[in-house]
Amino acid sequence: MTAKPDKADFYDRVYEVVARIPHGRVTTYGAIARYLGIGGSARMVGYALNLTLKSDGPELPCHRVVNRLGQLSGKAYFGPGLMEALLRQENITFLDEDTIDLDRHFWDPAEAL
C-alpha cells in the first residue's frame, strides 16, 4: 500500500517537473504522477496546476500538460483559445481542434529526468 504524499510536497514536486517540460513538447497529468511514484494520481497533478493558475503561484508552462488522449483538458483555466494558441506558437501539431499529436510531441519525464 502506497502512502499518500504530503500535498504541499507533492505539489512542489509537480511544479519542478512541469518547469522542465521543454518548449515544443507536452506531457500528461498521468505521466507526471507516474514519474513522481504516485500512479493513479493524475487528478492531483491537475489540482496542483490549477492552484498555480488561480493564485500567485510559480509561473509554469502549464499549457504543456494535457490529458492522456492529448486533449487540451486544461483550456478552461487559460480562457478561450489561449492554451491552443500557446501550443501552436511552439509548433505543436494538432490532430484535430483540441487534440495534440502525442506520438510526435510527448515528453516522458520518466525517460528525460
PDB file of N, CA and C in Angstrom:
ATOM      1  N   MET A   1       0.839  -1.181   0.000  1.00  0.00           N
ATOM      2  CA  MET A   1       0.000   0.000   0.000  1.00  0.00           C
ATOM      3  C   MET A   1       0.883   1.243   0.000  1.00  0.00           C
ATOM      4  N   THR A   2       0.635   2.141  -0.926  1.00  0.00           N
ATOM      5  CA  THR A   2       1.414   3.369  -1.047  1.00  0.00           C
ATOM      6  C   THR A   2       0.842   4.445  -0.138  1.00  0.00           C
ATOM      7  N   ALA A   3       1.725   5.075   0.625  1.00  0.00           N
ATOM      8  CA  ALA A   3       1.275   6.157   1.498  1.00  0.00           C
ATOM      9  C   ALA A   3       0.926   7.370   0.654  1.00  0.00           C
ATOM     10  N   LYS A   4      -0.066   8.104   1.091  1.00  0.00           N
ATOM     11  CA  LYS A   4      -0.434   9.333   0.387  1.00  0.00           C
ATOM     12  C   LYS A   4       0.639  10.380   0.640  1.00  0.00           C
ATOM     13  N   PRO A   5       1.034  11.096  -0.400  1.00  0.00           N
ATOM     14  CA  PRO A   5       2.063  12.120  -0.214  1.00  0.00           C
ATOM     15  C   PRO A   5       1.500  13.335   0.502  1.00  0.00           C
ATOM     16  N   ASP A   6       2.395  14.046   1.173  1.00  0.00           N
ATOM     17  CA  ASP A   6       2.031  15.336   1.734  1.00  0.00           C
ATOM     18  C   ASP A   6       1.682  16.246   0.559  1.00  0.00           C
ATOM     19  N   LYS A   7       0.522  16.906   0.629  1.00  0.00           N
ATOM     20  CA  LYS A   7       0.054  17.712  -0.515  1.00  0.00           C
ATOM     21  C   LYS A   7       1.055  18.775  -0.939  1.00  0.00           C
ATOM     22  N   ALA A   8       1.550  19.540   0.003  1.00  0.00           N
ATOM     23  CA  ALA A   8       2.464  20.635  -0.346  1.00  0.00           C
ATOM     24  C   ALA A   8       3.724  20.089  -1.008  1.00  0.00           C
ATOM     25  N   ASP A   9       4.269  19.010  -0.466  1.00  0.00           N
ATOM     26  CA  ASP A   9       5.467  18.401  -1.041  1.00  0.00           C
ATOM     27  C   ASP A   9       5.173  17.859  -2.438  1.00  0.00           C
ATOM     28  N   PHE A  10       4.042  17.187  -2.579  1.00  0.00           N
ATOM     29  CA  PHE A  10       3.653  16.644  -3.883  1.00  0.00           C
ATOM     30  C   PHE A  10       3.504  17.768  -4.901  1.00  0.00           C
ATOM     31  N   TYR A  11       2.822  18.833  -4.524  1.00  0.00           N
ATOM     32  CA  TYR A  11       2.618  19.957  -5.439  1.00  0.00           C
ATOM     33  C   TYR A  11       3.958  20.561  -5.857  1.00  0.00           C
ATOM     34  N   ASP A  12       4.871  20.727  -4.914  1.00  0.00           N
ATOM     35  CA  ASP A  12       6.193  21.268  -5.245  1.00  0.00           C
ATOM     36  C   ASP A  12       6.918  20.366  -6.238  1.00  0.00           C
ATOM     37  N   ARG A  13       6.795  19.056  -6.060  1.00  0.00           N
ATOM     38  CA  ARG A  13       7.431  18.110  -6.981  1.00  0.00           C
ATOM     39  C   ARG A  13       6.785  18.191  -8.364  1.00  0.00           C
ATOM     40  N   VAL A  14       5.471  18.367  -8.407  1.00  0.00           N
ATOM     41  CA  VAL A  14       4.779  18.555  -9.692  1.00  0.00           C
ATOM     42  C   VAL A  14       5.335  19.792 -10.384  1.00  0.00           C
ATOM     43  N   TYR A  15       5.457  20.896  -9.646  1.00  0.00           N
ATOM     44  CA  TYR A  15       5.935  22.149 -10.228  1.00  0.00           C
ATOM     45  C   TYR A  15       7.355  21.996 -10.782  1.00  0.00           C
ATOM     46  N   GLU A  16       8.190  21.228 -10.080  1.00  0.00           N
ATOM     47  CA  GLU A  16       9.560  21.002 -10.554  1.00  0.00           C
ATOM     48  C   GLU A  16       9.560  20.278 -11.896  1.00  0.00           C
ATOM     49  N   VAL A  17       8.689  19.285 -12.046  1.00  0.00           N
ATOM     50  CA  VAL A  17       8.614  18.535 -13.307  1.00  0.00           C
ATOM     51  C   VAL A  17       8.073  19.429 -14.418  1.00  0.00           C
ATOM     52  N   VAL A  18       6.987  20.127 -14.149  1.00  0.00           N
ATOM     53  CA  VAL A  18       6.359  20.961 -15.178  1.00  0.00           C
ATOM     54  C   VAL A  18       7.325  22.044 -15.652  1.00  0.00           C
ATOM     55  N   ALA A  19       8.098  22.595 -14.758  1.00  0.00           N
ATOM     56  CA  ALA A  19       9.064  23.635 -15.130  1.00  0.00           C
ATOM     57  C   ALA A  19      10.100  23.119 -16.128  1.00  0.00           C
ATOM     58  N   ARG A  20      10.285  21.804 -16.187  1.00  0.00           N
ATOM     59  CA  ARG A  20      11.314  21.220 -17.055  1.00  0.00           C
ATOM     60  C   ARG A  20      10.780  20.695 -18.385  1.00  0.00           C
ATOM     61  N   ILE A  21       9.480  20.825 -18.625  1.00  0.00           N
ATOM     62  CA  ILE A  21       8.930  20.380 -19.910  1.00  0.00           C
ATOM     63  C   ILE A  21       9.498  21.293 -20.995  1.00  0.00           C
ATOM     64  N   PRO A  22      10.178  20.717 -21.972  1.00  0.00           N
ATOM     65  CA  PRO A  22      10.806  21.556 -22.998  1.00  0.00           C
ATOM     66  C   PRO A  22       9.805  22.253 -23.915  1.00  0.00           C
ATOM     67  N   HIS A  23      10.221  23.366 -24.434  1.00  0.00           N
ATOM     68  CA  HIS A  23       9.474  24.100 -25.458  1.00  0.00           C
ATOM     69  C   HIS A  23       9.195  23.148 -26.616  1.00  0.00           C
ATOM     70  N   GLY A  24       7.970  23.144 -27.117  1.00  0.00           N
ATOM     71  CA  GLY A  24       7.614  22.300 -28.247  1.00  0.00           C
ATOM     72  C   GLY A  24       7.274  20.868 -27.891  1.00  0.00           C
ATOM     73  N   ARG A  25       7.183  20.581 -26.601  1.00  0.00           N
ATOM     74  CA  ARG A  25       6.842  19.234 -26.142  1.00  0.00           C
ATOM     75  C   ARG A  25       5.693  19.341 -25.143  1.00  0.00           C
ATOM     76  N   VAL A  26       4.991  18.233 -24.937  1.00  0.00           N
ATOM     77  CA  VAL A  26       3.917  18.175 -23.945  1.00  0.00           C
ATOM     78  C   VAL A  26       4.043  16.880 -23.162  1.00  0.00           C
ATOM     79  N   THR A  27       3.428  16.859 -22.005  1.00  0.00           N
ATOM     80  CA  THR A  27       3.326  15.634 -21.226  1.00  0.00           C
ATOM     81  C   THR A  27       1.907  15.534 -20.705  1.00  0.00           C
ATOM     82  N   THR A  28       1.630  14.455 -19.985  1.00  0.00           N
ATOM     83  CA  THR A  28       0.280  14.251 -19.464  1.00  0.00           C
ATOM     84  C   THR A  28       0.282  14.311 -17.942  1.00  0.00           C
ATOM     85  N   TYR A  29      -0.899  14.547 -17.407  1.00  0.00           N
ATOM     86  CA  TYR A  29      -1.061  14.540 -15.951  1.00  0.00           C
ATOM     87  C   TYR A  29      -0.608  13.200 -15.389  1.00  0.00           C
ATOM     88  N   GLY A  30      -1.007  12.122 -16.046  1.00  0.00           N
ATOM     89  CA  GLY A  30      -0.664  10.774 -15.592  1.00  0.00           C
ATOM     90  C   GLY A  30       0.820  10.482 -15.660  1.00  0.00           C
ATOM     91  N   ALA A  31       1.501  10.958 -16.700  1.00  0.00           N
ATOM     92  CA  ALA A  31       2.946  10.735 -16.820  1.00  0.00           C
ATOM     93  C   ALA A  31       3.686  11.420 -15.677  1.00  0.00           C
ATOM     94  N   ILE A  32       3.232  12.599 -15.302  1.00  0.00           N
ATOM     95  CA  ILE A  32       3.846  13.298 -14.168  1.00  0.00           C
ATOM     96  C   ILE A  32       3.610  12.512 -12.885  1.00  0.00           C
ATOM     97  N   ALA A  33       2.384  12.069 -12.667  1.00  0.00           N
ATOM     98  CA  ALA A  33       2.059  11.301 -11.458  1.00  0.00           C
ATOM     99  C   ALA A  33       2.894  10.021 -11.388  1.00  0.00           C
ATOM    100  N   ARG A  34       3.000   9.294 -12.503  1.00  0.00           N
ATOM    101  CA  ARG A  34       3.796   8.059 -12.520  1.00  0.00           C
ATOM    102  C   ARG A  34       5.261   8.355 -12.229  1.00  0.00           C
ATOM    103  N   TYR A  35       5.790   9.409 -12.827  1.00  0.00           N
ATOM    104  CA  TYR A  35       7.181   9.779 -12.587  1.00  0.00           C
ATOM    105  C   TYR A  35       7.422  10.058 -11.102  1.00  0.00           C
ATOM    106  N   LEU A  36       6.452  10.673 -10.469  1.00  0.00           N
ATOM    107  CA  LEU A  36       6.583  11.008  -9.047  1.00  0.00           C
ATOM    108  C   LEU A  36       6.282   9.820  -8.141  1.00  0.00           C
ATOM    109  N   GLY A  37       5.968   8.669  -8.742  1.00  0.00           N
ATOM    110  CA  GLY A  37       5.728   7.458  -7.960  1.00  0.00           C
ATOM    111  C   GLY A  37       4.348   7.385  -7.357  1.00  0.00           C
ATOM    112  N   ILE A  38       3.427   8.168  -7.861  1.00  0.00           N
ATOM    113  CA  ILE A  38       2.065   8.197  -7.339  1.00  0.00           C
ATOM    114  C   ILE A  38       1.113   7.902  -8.496  1.00  0.00           C
ATOM    115  N   GLY A  39       1.297   6.760  -9.145  1.00  0.00           N
ATOM    116  CA  GLY A  39       0.423   6.383 -10.250  1.00  0.00           C
ATOM    117  C   GLY A  39      -1.032   6.439  -9.825  1.00  0.00           C
ATOM    118  N   GLY A  40      -1.886   6.805 -10.726  1.00  0.00           N
ATOM    119  CA  GLY A  40      -3.304   6.934 -10.398  1.00  0.00           C
ATOM    120  C   GLY A  40      -3.659   8.272  -9.778  1.00  0.00           C
ATOM    121  N   SER A  41      -2.696   9.169  -9.697  1.00  0.00           N
ATOM    122  CA  SER A  41      -2.947  10.478  -9.084  1.00  0.00           C
ATOM    123  C   SER A  41      -2.908  11.612 -10.102  1.00  0.00           C
ATOM    124  N   ALA A  42      -3.300  11.317 -11.326  1.00  0.00           N
ATOM    125  CA  ALA A  42      -3.306  12.350 -12.364  1.00  0.00           C
ATOM    126  C   ALA A  42      -4.157  13.542 -11.947  1.00  0.00           C
ATOM    127  N   ARG A  43      -5.252  13.251 -11.282  1.00  0.00           N
ATOM    128  CA  ARG A  43      -6.142  14.334 -10.856  1.00  0.00           C
ATOM    129  C   ARG A  43      -5.445  15.265  -9.857  1.00  0.00           C
ATOM    130  N   MET A  44      -4.623  14.700  -8.980  1.00  0.00           N
ATOM    131  CA  MET A  44      -3.876  15.538  -8.030  1.00  0.00           C
ATOM    132  C   MET A  44      -2.910  16.458  -8.764  1.00  0.00           C
ATOM    133  N   VAL A  45      -2.327  15.967  -9.854  1.00  0.00           N
ATOM    134  CA  VAL A  45      -1.445  16.812 -10.664  1.00  0.00           C
ATOM    135  C   VAL A  45      -2.254  17.982 -11.219  1.00  0.00           C
ATOM    136  N   GLY A  46      -3.447  17.692 -11.707  1.00  0.00           N
ATOM    137  CA  GLY A  46      -4.326  18.745 -12.208  1.00  0.00           C
ATOM    138  C   GLY A  46      -4.677  19.761 -11.134  1.00  0.00           C
ATOM    139  N   TYR A  47      -4.963  19.286  -9.928  1.00  0.00           N
ATOM    140  CA  TYR A  47      -5.272  20.209  -8.828  1.00  0.00           C
ATOM    141  C   TYR A  47      -4.079  21.116  -8.543  1.00  0.00           C
ATOM    142  N   ALA A  48      -2.885  20.530  -8.537  1.00  0.00           N
ATOM    143  CA  ALA A  48      -1.680  21.320  -8.264  1.00  0.00           C
ATOM    144  C   ALA A  48      -1.509  22.426  -9.309  1.00  0.00           C
ATOM    145  N   LEU A  49      -1.700  22.078 -10.573  1.00  0.00           N
ATOM    146  CA  LEU A  49      -1.541  23.074 -11.636  1.00  0.00           C
ATOM    147  C   LEU A  49      -2.637  24.123 -11.583  1.00  0.00           C
ATOM    148  N   ASN A  50      -3.821  23.703 -11.221  1.00  0.00           N
ATOM    149  CA  ASN A  50      -4.935  24.637 -11.088  1.00  0.00           C
ATOM    150  C   ASN A  50      -4.608  25.720 -10.058  1.00  0.00           C
ATOM    151  N   LEU A  51      -3.946  25.346  -8.982  1.00  0.00           N
ATOM    152  CA  LEU A  51      -3.582  26.322  -7.953  1.00  0.00           C
ATOM    153  C   LEU A  51      -2.628  27.379  -8.496  1.00  0.00           C
ATOM    154  N   THR A  52      -1.721  26.983  -9.376  1.00  0.00           N
ATOM    155  CA  THR A  52      -0.765  27.963  -9.908  1.00  0.00           C
ATOM    156  C   THR A  52      -1.451  28.960 -10.820  1.00  0.00           C
ATOM    157  N   LEU A  53      -2.513  28.529 -11.478  1.00  0.00           N
ATOM    158  CA  LEU A  53      -3.213  29.411 -12.411  1.00  0.00           C
ATOM    159  C   LEU A  53      -4.185  30.354 -11.711  1.00  0.00           C
ATOM    160  N   LYS A  54      -4.593  29.993 -10.495  1.00  0.00           N
ATOM    161  CA  LYS A  54      -5.574  30.804  -9.768  1.00  0.00           C
ATOM    162  C   LYS A  54      -4.946  31.625  -8.649  1.00  0.00           C
ATOM    163  N   SER A  55      -3.637  31.581  -8.533  1.00  0.00           N
ATOM    164  CA  SER A  55      -3.001  32.276  -7.417  1.00  0.00           C
ATOM    165  C   SER A  55      -1.717  32.944  -7.895  1.00  0.00           C
ATOM    166  N   ASP A  56      -0.958  33.378  -6.938  1.00  0.00           N
ATOM    167  CA  ASP A  56       0.346  33.960  -7.227  1.00  0.00           C
ATOM    168  C   ASP A  56       1.421  32.886  -7.175  1.00  0.00           C
ATOM    169  N   GLY A  57       1.055  31.664  -7.526  1.00  0.00           N
ATOM    170  CA  GLY A  57       1.992  30.549  -7.521  1.00  0.00           C
ATOM    171  C   GLY A  57       3.066  30.717  -8.581  1.00  0.00           C
ATOM    172  N   PRO A  58       3.942  29.737  -8.670  1.00  0.00           N
ATOM    173  CA  PRO A  58       5.034  29.841  -9.641  1.00  0.00           C
ATOM    174  C   PRO A  58       4.512  29.899 -11.074  1.00  0.00           C
ATOM    175  N   GLU A  59       5.191  30.672 -11.909  1.00  0.00           N
ATOM    176  CA  GLU A  59       4.812  30.724 -13.325  1.00  0.00           C
ATOM    177  C   GLU A  59       5.404  29.504 -14.004  1.00  0.00           C
ATOM    178  N   LEU A  60       4.533  28.686 -14.533  1.00  0.00           N
ATOM    179  CA  LEU A  60       4.944  27.427 -15.143  1.00  0.00           C
ATOM    180  C   LEU A  60       4.313  27.273 -16.517  1.00  0.00           C
ATOM    181  N   PRO A  61       4.916  26.457 -17.379  1.00  0.00           N
ATOM    182  CA  PRO A  61       4.312  26.193 -18.686  1.00  0.00           C
ATOM    183  C   PRO A  61       3.190  25.150 -18.577  1.00  0.00           C
ATOM    184  N   CYS A  62       2.171  25.479 -17.807  1.00  0.00           N
ATOM    185  CA  CYS A  62       1.053  24.551 -17.576  1.00  0.00           C
ATOM    186  C   CYS A  62       0.329  24.198 -18.866  1.00  0.00           C
ATOM    187  N   HIS A  63       0.438  25.051 -19.866  1.00  0.00           N
ATOM    188  CA  HIS A  63      -0.210  24.765 -21.149  1.00  0.00           C
ATOM    189  C   HIS A  63       0.399  23.534 -21.819  1.00  0.00           C
ATOM    190  N   ARG A  64       1.548  23.074 -21.350  1.00  0.00           N
ATOM    191  CA  ARG A  64       2.208  21.899 -21.925  1.00  0.00           C
ATOM    192  C   ARG A  64       1.764  20.595 -21.277  1.00  0.00           C
ATOM    193  N   VAL A  65       0.768  20.648 -20.412  1.00  0.00           N
ATOM    194  CA  VAL A  65       0.246  19.432 -19.772  1.00  0.00           C
ATOM    195  C   VAL A  65      -1.160  19.181 -20.298  1.00  0.00           C
ATOM    196  N   VAL A  66      -1.354  17.988 -20.841  1.00  0.00           N
ATOM    197  CA  VAL A  66      -2.627  17.612 -21.459  1.00  0.00           C
ATOM    198  C   VAL A  66      -3.107  16.291 -20.863  1.00  0.00           C
ATOM    199  N   ASN A  67      -4.311  15.882 -21.231  1.00  0.00           N
ATOM    200  CA  ASN A  67      -4.789  14.606 -20.707  1.00  0.00           C
ATOM    201  C   ASN A  67      -4.183  13.441 -21.489  1.00  0.00           C
ATOM    202  N   ARG A  68      -4.474  12.232 -21.073  1.00  0.00           N
ATOM    203  CA  ARG A  68      -3.840  11.036 -21.638  1.00  0.00           C
ATOM    204  C   ARG A  68      -4.141  10.825 -23.111  1.00  0.00           C
ATOM    205  N   LEU A  69      -5.181  11.471 -23.604  1.00  0.00           N
ATOM    206  CA  LEU A  69      -5.545  11.367 -25.012  1.00  0.00           C
ATOM    207  C   LEU A  69      -4.923  12.486 -25.851  1.00  0.00           C
ATOM    208  N   GLY A  70      -4.208  13.385 -25.190  1.00  0.00           N
ATOM    209  CA  GLY A  70      -3.622  14.525 -25.888  1.00  0.00           C
ATOM    210  C   GLY A  70      -4.568  15.701 -26.015  1.00  0.00           C
ATOM    211  N   GLN A  71      -5.668  15.646 -25.286  1.00  0.00           N
ATOM    212  CA  GLN A  71      -6.665  16.713 -25.372  1.00  0.00           C
ATOM    213  C   GLN A  71      -6.340  17.848 -24.411  1.00  0.00           C
ATOM    214  N   LEU A  72      -6.745  19.039 -24.791  1.00  0.00           N
ATOM    215  CA  LEU A  72      -6.467  20.245 -24.012  1.00  0.00           C
ATOM    216  C   LEU A  72      -7.443  20.373 -22.853  1.00  0.00           C
ATOM    217  N   SER A  73      -7.320  19.505 -21.889  1.00  0.00           N
ATOM    218  CA  SER A  73      -8.266  19.496 -20.774  1.00  0.00           C
ATOM    219  C   SER A  73      -8.077  20.674 -19.829  1.00  0.00           C
ATOM    220  N   GLY A  74      -6.947  21.342 -19.874  1.00  0.00           N
ATOM    221  CA  GLY A  74      -6.717  22.492 -19.012  1.00  0.00           C
ATOM    222  C   GLY A  74      -7.126  23.815 -19.625  1.00  0.00           C
ATOM    223  N   LYS A  75      -7.726  23.769 -20.810  1.00  0.00           N
ATOM    224  CA  LYS A  75      -8.018  25.020 -21.512  1.00  0.00           C
ATOM    225  C   LYS A  75      -9.025  25.903 -20.796  1.00  0.00           C
ATOM    226  N   ALA A  76      -9.818  25.336 -19.898  1.00  0.00           N
ATOM    227  CA  ALA A  76     -10.793  26.136 -19.156  1.00  0.00           C
ATOM    228  C   ALA A  76     -10.098  27.170 -18.263  1.00  0.00           C
ATOM    229  N   TYR A  77      -8.868  26.892 -17.860  1.00  0.00           N
ATOM    230  CA  TYR A  77      -8.151  27.789 -16.959  1.00  0.00           C
ATOM    231  C   TYR A  77      -7.402  28.886 -17.707  1.00  0.00           C
ATOM    232  N   PHE A  78      -7.257  28.729 -19.001  1.00  0.00           N
ATOM    233  CA  PHE A  78      -6.494  29.692 -19.788  1.00  0.00           C
ATOM    234  C   PHE A  78      -7.370  30.704 -20.504  1.00  0.00           C
ATOM    235  N   GLY A  79      -8.656  30.478 -20.527  1.00  0.00           N
ATOM    236  CA  GLY A  79      -9.545  31.325 -21.313  1.00  0.00           C
ATOM    237  C   GLY A  79      -9.667  30.765 -22.713  1.00  0.00           C
ATOM    238  N   PRO A  80     -10.681  31.184 -23.418  1.00  0.00           N
ATOM    239  CA  PRO A  80     -10.962  30.626 -24.743  1.00  0.00           C
ATOM    240  C   PRO A  80      -9.781  30.763 -25.709  1.00  0.00           C
ATOM    241  N   GLY A  81      -9.283  29.652 -26.173  1.00  0.00           N
ATOM    242  CA  GLY A  81      -8.264  29.639 -27.210  1.00  0.00           C
ATOM    243  C   GLY A  81      -6.829  29.868 -26.781  1.00  0.00           C
ATOM    244  N   LEU A  82      -6.588  30.297 -25.540  1.00  0.00           N
ATOM    245  CA  LEU A  82      -5.225  30.655 -25.150  1.00  0.00           C
ATOM    246  C   LEU A  82      -4.303  29.442 -25.077  1.00  0.00           C
ATOM    247  N   MET A  83      -4.766  28.343 -24.486  1.00  0.00           N
ATOM    248  CA  MET A  83      -3.915  27.156 -24.380  1.00  0.00           C
ATOM    249  C   MET A  83      -3.505  26.673 -25.777  1.00  0.00           C
ATOM    250  N   GLU A  84      -4.473  26.602 -26.664  1.00  0.00           N
ATOM    251  CA  GLU A  84      -4.182  26.179 -28.035  1.00  0.00           C
ATOM    252  C   GLU A  84      -3.213  27.152 -28.710  1.00  0.00           C
ATOM    253  N   ALA A  85      -3.434  28.442 -28.533  1.00  0.00           N
ATOM    254  CA  ALA A  85      -2.566  29.446 -29.155  1.00  0.00           C
ATOM    255  C   ALA A  85      -1.126  29.323 -28.651  1.00  0.00           C
ATOM    256  N   LEU A  86      -0.964  29.127 -27.348  1.00  0.00           N
ATOM    257  CA  LEU A  86       0.379  28.983 -26.782  1.00  0.00           C
ATOM    258  C   LEU A  86       1.087  27.762 -27.355  1.00  0.00           C
ATOM    259  N   LEU A  87       0.350  26.660 -27.488  1.00  0.00           N
ATOM    260  CA  LEU A  87       0.946  25.441 -28.037  1.00  0.00           C
ATOM    261  C   LEU A  87       1.274  25.596 -29.519  1.00  0.00           C
ATOM    262  N   ARG A  88       0.405  26.245 -30.249  1.00  0.00           N
ATOM    263  CA  ARG A  88       0.668  26.457 -31.684  1.00  0.00           C
ATOM    264  C   ARG A  88       1.888  27.364 -31.886  1.00  0.00           C
ATOM    265  N   GLN A  89       2.102  28.314 -30.972  1.00  0.00           N
ATOM    266  CA  GLN A  89       3.296  29.166 -31.046  1.00  0.00           C
ATOM    267  C   GLN A  89       4.573  28.342 -30.890  1.00  0.00           C
ATOM    268  N   GLU A  90       4.442  27.186 -30.231  1.00  0.00           N
ATOM    269  CA  GLU A  90       5.586  26.293 -30.032  1.00  0.00           C
ATOM    270  C   GLU A  90       5.653  25.226 -31.127  1.00  0.00           C
ATOM    271  N   ASN A  91       4.869  25.417 -32.191  1.00  0.00           N
ATOM    272  CA  ASN A  91       4.824  24.487 -33.324  1.00  0.00           C
ATOM    273  C   ASN A  91       4.346  23.088 -32.953  1.00  0.00           C
ATOM    274  N   ILE A  92       3.462  23.011 -31.976  1.00  0.00           N
ATOM    275  CA  ILE A  92       2.833  21.742 -31.617  1.00  0.00           C
ATOM    276  C   ILE A  92       1.817  21.399 -32.702  1.00  0.00           C
ATOM    277  N   THR A  93       1.823  20.140 -33.128  1.00  0.00           N
ATOM    278  CA  THR A  93       0.919  19.668 -34.168  1.00  0.00           C
ATOM    279  C   THR A  93      -0.368  19.142 -33.544  1.00  0.00           C
ATOM    280  N   PHE A  94      -1.491  19.549 -34.105  1.00  0.00           N
ATOM    281  CA  PHE A  94      -2.795  19.093 -33.635  1.00  0.00           C
ATOM    282  C   PHE A  94      -3.375  18.079 -34.615  1.00  0.00           C
ATOM    283  N   LEU A  95      -4.021  17.058 -34.060  1.00  0.00           N
ATOM    284  CA  LEU A  95      -4.706  16.066 -34.887  1.00  0.00           C
ATOM    285  C   LEU A  95      -6.099  16.539 -35.258  1.00  0.00           C
ATOM    286  N   ASP A  96      -6.696  17.314 -34.359  1.00  0.00           N
ATOM    287  CA  ASP A  96      -7.987  17.950 -34.622  1.00  0.00           C
ATOM    288  C   ASP A  96      -8.064  19.205 -33.777  1.00  0.00           C
ATOM    289  N   GLU A  97      -9.240  19.736 -33.611  1.00  0.00           N
ATOM    290  CA  GLU A  97      -9.429  21.036 -32.957  1.00  0.00           C
ATOM    291  C   GLU A  97      -8.716  21.183 -31.615  1.00  0.00           C
ATOM    292  N   ASP A  98      -8.775  20.160 -30.774  1.00  0.00           N
ATOM    293  CA  ASP A  98      -8.142  20.300 -29.459  1.00  0.00           C
ATOM    294  C   ASP A  98      -7.422  19.040 -28.997  1.00  0.00           C
ATOM    295  N   THR A  99      -6.859  18.288 -29.940  1.00  0.00           N
ATOM    296  CA  THR A  99      -6.098  17.092 -29.605  1.00  0.00           C
ATOM    297  C   THR A  99      -4.714  17.175 -30.244  1.00  0.00           C
ATOM    298  N   ILE A 100      -3.699  17.026 -29.401  1.00  0.00           N
ATOM    299  CA  ILE A 100      -2.307  17.120 -29.831  1.00  0.00           C
ATOM    300  C   ILE A 100      -1.817  15.771 -30.344  1.00  0.00           C
ATOM    301  N   ASP A 101      -0.884  15.806 -31.268  1.00  0.00           N
ATOM    302  CA  ASP A 101      -0.232  14.597 -31.771  1.00  0.00           C
ATOM    303  C   ASP A 101       0.803  14.151 -30.734  1.00  0.00           C
ATOM    304  N   LEU A 102       0.364  13.290 -29.805  1.00  0.00           N
ATOM    305  CA  LEU A 102       1.256  12.836 -28.737  1.00  0.00           C
ATOM    306  C   LEU A 102       2.411  12.005 -29.274  1.00  0.00           C
ATOM    307  N   ASP A 103       2.188  11.258 -30.348  1.00  0.00           N
ATOM    308  CA  ASP A 103       3.283  10.463 -30.915  1.00  0.00           C
ATOM    309  C   ASP A 103       4.454  11.356 -31.320  1.00  0.00           C
ATOM    310  N   ARG A 104       4.157  12.538 -31.698  1.00  0.00           N
ATOM    311  CA  ARG A 104       5.186  13.468 -32.172  1.00  0.00           C
ATOM    312  C   ARG A 104       5.758  14.362 -31.070  1.00  0.00           C
ATOM    313  N   HIS A 105       4.931  14.740 -30.098  1.00  0.00           N
ATOM    314  CA  HIS A 105       5.343  15.780 -29.146  1.00  0.00           C
ATOM    315  C   HIS A 105       5.419  15.335 -27.683  1.00  0.00           C
ATOM    316  N   PHE A 106       5.133  14.067 -27.388  1.00  0.00           N
ATOM    317  CA  PHE A 106       5.104  13.620 -25.987  1.00  0.00           C
ATOM    318  C   PHE A 106       6.502  13.630 -25.379  1.00  0.00           C
ATOM    319  N   TRP A 107       6.582  14.200 -24.200  1.00  0.00           N
ATOM    320  CA  TRP A 107       7.803  14.231 -23.392  1.00  0.00           C
ATOM    321  C   TRP A 107       7.527  13.422 -22.140  1.00  0.00           C
ATOM    322  N   ASP A 108       8.306  12.371 -21.926  1.00  0.00           N
ATOM    323  CA  ASP A 108       8.100  11.491 -20.775  1.00  0.00           C
ATOM    324  C   ASP A 108       9.114  11.830 -19.691  1.00  0.00           C
ATOM    325  N   PRO A 109       8.661  12.372 -18.569  1.00  0.00           N
ATOM    326  CA  PRO A 109       9.613  12.728 -17.516  1.00  0.00           C
ATOM    327  C   PRO A 109      10.381  11.520 -16.992  1.00  0.00           C
ATOM    328  N   ALA A 110       9.788  10.331 -17.061  1.00  0.00           N
ATOM    329  CA  ALA A 110      10.474   9.130 -16.578  1.00  0.00           C
ATOM    330  C   ALA A 110      11.701   8.807 -17.432  1.00  0.00           C
ATOM    331  N   GLU A 111      11.673   9.192 -18.689  1.00  0.00           N
ATOM    332  CA  GLU A 111      12.819   8.958 -19.569  1.00  0.00           C
ATOM    333  C   GLU A 111      13.775  10.144 -19.585  1.00  0.00           C
ATOM    334  N   ALA A 112      13.243  11.332 -19.440  1.00  0.00           N
ATOM    335  CA  ALA A 112      14.051  12.545 -19.595  1.00  0.00           C
ATOM    336  C   ALA A 112      14.743  13.007 -18.317  1.00  0.00           C
ATOM    337  N   LEU A 113      14.161  12.696 -17.171  1.00  0.00           N
ATOM    338  CA  LEU A 113      14.722  13.208 -15.906  1.00  0.00           C
ATOM    339  C   LEU A 113      15.422  12.118 -15.112  1.00  0.00           C
TER     340      LEU A 113
END
